Amino acid sequence: MEKAVLELLESLPHLLRLPSKQMWFDLDEEADVLYVSFERPQGATDSELSEEGVLMRYRGDQLVGVTILNARKRLRGQT
């Protein structure tokens, strides 16, 4: 089985715990940023940047998206 498929299967428990059952993923390869949206459009009204470089986007108290900075860089050394 393809390595990417196996990795997707391994991530399944984490994906199922996310706040939405529909998700959109967009990768900006040049900027090395991964955008994950739980709603389209997000309509975020607030955001919070973690120390790990993850921007969490909220509408009120609801998490509507996540922006992961240095997405590919985080994978280096894990393969």
C-alpha atoms as a PDB file:
ATOM      1  CA  MET A   1       0.000   0.000   0.000  1.00  0.00           C
ATOM      2  CA  GLU A   2       1.254   3.502  -0.780  1.00  0.00           C
ATOM      3  CA  LYS A   3       3.086   5.168   2.096  1.00  0.00           C
ATOM      4  CA  ALA A   4       0.833   8.248   1.859  1.00  0.00           C
ATOM      5  CA  VAL A   5      -2.279   6.087   2.245  1.00  0.00           C
ATOM      6  CA  LEU A   6      -0.813   4.319   5.280  1.00  0.00           C
ATOM      7  CA  GLU A   7       0.026   7.675   6.865  1.00  0.00           C
ATOM      8  CA  LEU A   8      -3.518   8.882   6.185  1.00  0.00           C
ATOM      9  CA  LEU A   9      -4.900   5.778   7.896  1.00  0.00           C
ATOM     10  CA  GLU A  10      -2.630   6.422  10.889  1.00  0.00           C
ATOM     11  CA  SER A  11      -3.943   9.999  11.147  1.00  0.00           C
ATOM     12  CA  LEU A  12      -7.584   8.859  11.002  1.00  0.00           C
ATOM     13  CA  PRO A  13      -8.190   8.852  14.790  1.00  0.00           C
ATOM     14  CA  HIS A  14      -6.959  12.458  14.952  1.00  0.00           C
ATOM     15  CA  LEU A  15      -9.023  13.573  11.961  1.00  0.00           C
ATOM     16  CA  LEU A  16     -12.181  12.077  13.451  1.00  0.00           C
ATOM     17  CA  ARG A  17     -11.719  14.147  16.621  1.00  0.00           C
ATOM     18  CA  LEU A  18     -11.598  17.460  14.740  1.00  0.00           C
ATOM     19  CA  PRO A  19     -14.554  19.824  15.249  1.00  0.00           C
ATOM     20  CA  SER A  20     -16.001  19.232  11.788  1.00  0.00           C
ATOM     21  CA  LYS A  21     -16.680  16.221   9.625  1.00  0.00           C
ATOM     22  CA  GLN A  22     -16.056  18.301   6.481  1.00  0.00           C
ATOM     23  CA  MET A  23     -12.622  19.816   5.982  1.00  0.00           C
ATOM     24  CA  TRP A  24     -10.778  21.608   3.244  1.00  0.00           C
ATOM     25  CA  PHE A  25      -7.001  21.522   2.956  1.00  0.00           C
ATOM     26  CA  ASP A  26      -4.989  24.043   0.968  1.00  0.00           C
ATOM     27  CA  LEU A  27      -1.194  23.960   0.791  1.00  0.00           C
ATOM     28  CA  ASP A  28       0.758  27.032  -0.271  1.00  0.00           C
ATOM     29  CA  GLU A  29       4.008  25.291  -1.220  1.00  0.00           C
ATOM     30  CA  GLU A  30       5.915  28.508  -1.842  1.00  0.00           C
ATOM     31  CA  ALA A  31       5.059  29.953   1.586  1.00  0.00           C
ATOM     32  CA  ASP A  32       5.140  26.482   3.240  1.00  0.00           C
ATOM     33  CA  VAL A  33       1.762  27.072   4.872  1.00  0.00           C
ATOM     34  CA  LEU A  34      -1.072  24.572   5.268  1.00  0.00           C
ATOM     35  CA  TYR A  35      -4.594  25.947   5.639  1.00  0.00           C
ATOM     36  CA  VAL A  36      -7.271  23.706   7.155  1.00  0.00           C
ATOM     37  CA  SER A  37     -10.835  25.019   7.065  1.00  0.00           C
ATOM     38  CA  PHE A  38     -13.713  23.452   8.965  1.00  0.00           C
ATOM     39  CA  GLU A  39     -16.240  25.764   7.293  1.00  0.00           C
ATOM     40  CA  ARG A  40     -16.345  27.517   3.927  1.00  0.00           C
ATOM     41  CA  PRO A  41     -16.171  30.426   4.126  1.00  0.00           C
ATOM     42  CA  GLN A  42     -14.486  30.490   7.512  1.00  0.00           C
ATOM     43  CA  GLY A  43     -15.810  33.905   8.494  1.00  0.00           C
ATOM     44  CA  ALA A  44     -13.292  34.021  11.353  1.00  0.00           C
ATOM     45  CA  THR A  45     -13.674  36.942  13.735  1.00  0.00           C
ATOM     46  CA  ASP A  46     -10.643  36.205  15.916  1.00  0.00           C
ATOM     47  CA  SER A  47      -7.397  34.255  15.816  1.00  0.00           C
ATOM     48  CA  GLU A  48      -4.751  33.030  18.201  1.00  0.00           C
ATOM     49  CA  LEU A  49      -1.125  32.183  17.332  1.00  0.00           C
ATOM     50  CA  SER A  50       0.459  29.402  19.376  1.00  0.00           C
ATOM     51  CA  GLU A  51       4.140  29.235  20.277  1.00  0.00           C
ATOM     52  CA  GLU A  52       4.424  26.322  17.811  1.00  0.00           C
ATOM     53  CA  GLY A  53       3.481  28.526  14.855  1.00  0.00           C
ATOM     54  CA  VAL A  54      -0.122  27.372  14.518  1.00  0.00           C
ATOM     55  CA  LEU A  55      -2.766  30.029  13.945  1.00  0.00           C
ATOM     56  CA  MET A  56      -6.186  28.988  15.217  1.00  0.00           C
ATOM     57  CA  ARG A  57      -9.107  30.885  13.682  1.00  0.00           C
ATOM     58  CA  TYR A  58     -12.363  31.355  15.578  1.00  0.00           C
ATOM     59  CA  ARG A  59     -15.848  32.677  14.973  1.00  0.00           C
ATOM     60  CA  GLY A  60     -16.955  33.444  18.480  1.00  0.00           C
ATOM     61  CA  ASP A  61     -16.005  30.344  20.490  1.00  0.00           C
ATOM     62  CA  GLN A  62     -16.143  28.012  17.473  1.00  0.00           C
ATOM     63  CA  LEU A  63     -12.885  26.860  15.839  1.00  0.00           C
ATOM     64  CA  VAL A  64     -13.402  27.359  12.088  1.00  0.00           C
ATOM     65  CA  GLY A  65      -9.876  26.913  10.767  1.00  0.00           C
ATOM     66  CA  VAL A  66      -6.212  26.296  11.437  1.00  0.00           C
ATOM     67  CA  THR A  67      -3.175  27.711   9.645  1.00  0.00           C
ATOM     68  CA  ILE A  68       0.055  25.745  10.083  1.00  0.00           C
ATOM     69  CA  LEU A  69       3.204  27.728   9.375  1.00  0.00           C
ATOM     70  CA  ASN A  70       6.313  25.877   8.108  1.00  0.00           C
ATOM     71  CA  ALA A  71       4.191  22.831   7.299  1.00  0.00           C
ATOM     72  CA  ARG A  72       6.715  20.897   5.197  1.00  0.00           C
ATOM     73  CA  LYS A  73       9.623  21.937   7.394  1.00  0.00           C
ATOM     74  CA  ARG A  74       7.870  20.207  10.298  1.00  0.00           C
ATOM     75  CA  LEU A  75       8.011  16.891   8.402  1.00  0.00           C
ATOM     76  CA  ARG A  76      11.757  16.911   7.803  1.00  0.00           C
ATOM     77  CA  GLY A  77      13.432  14.151   9.719  1.00  0.00           C
ATOM     78  CA  GLN A  78      10.155  12.299  10.338  1.00  0.00           C
ATOM     79  CA  THR A  79      10.230  10.163   7.178  1.00  0.00           C
END
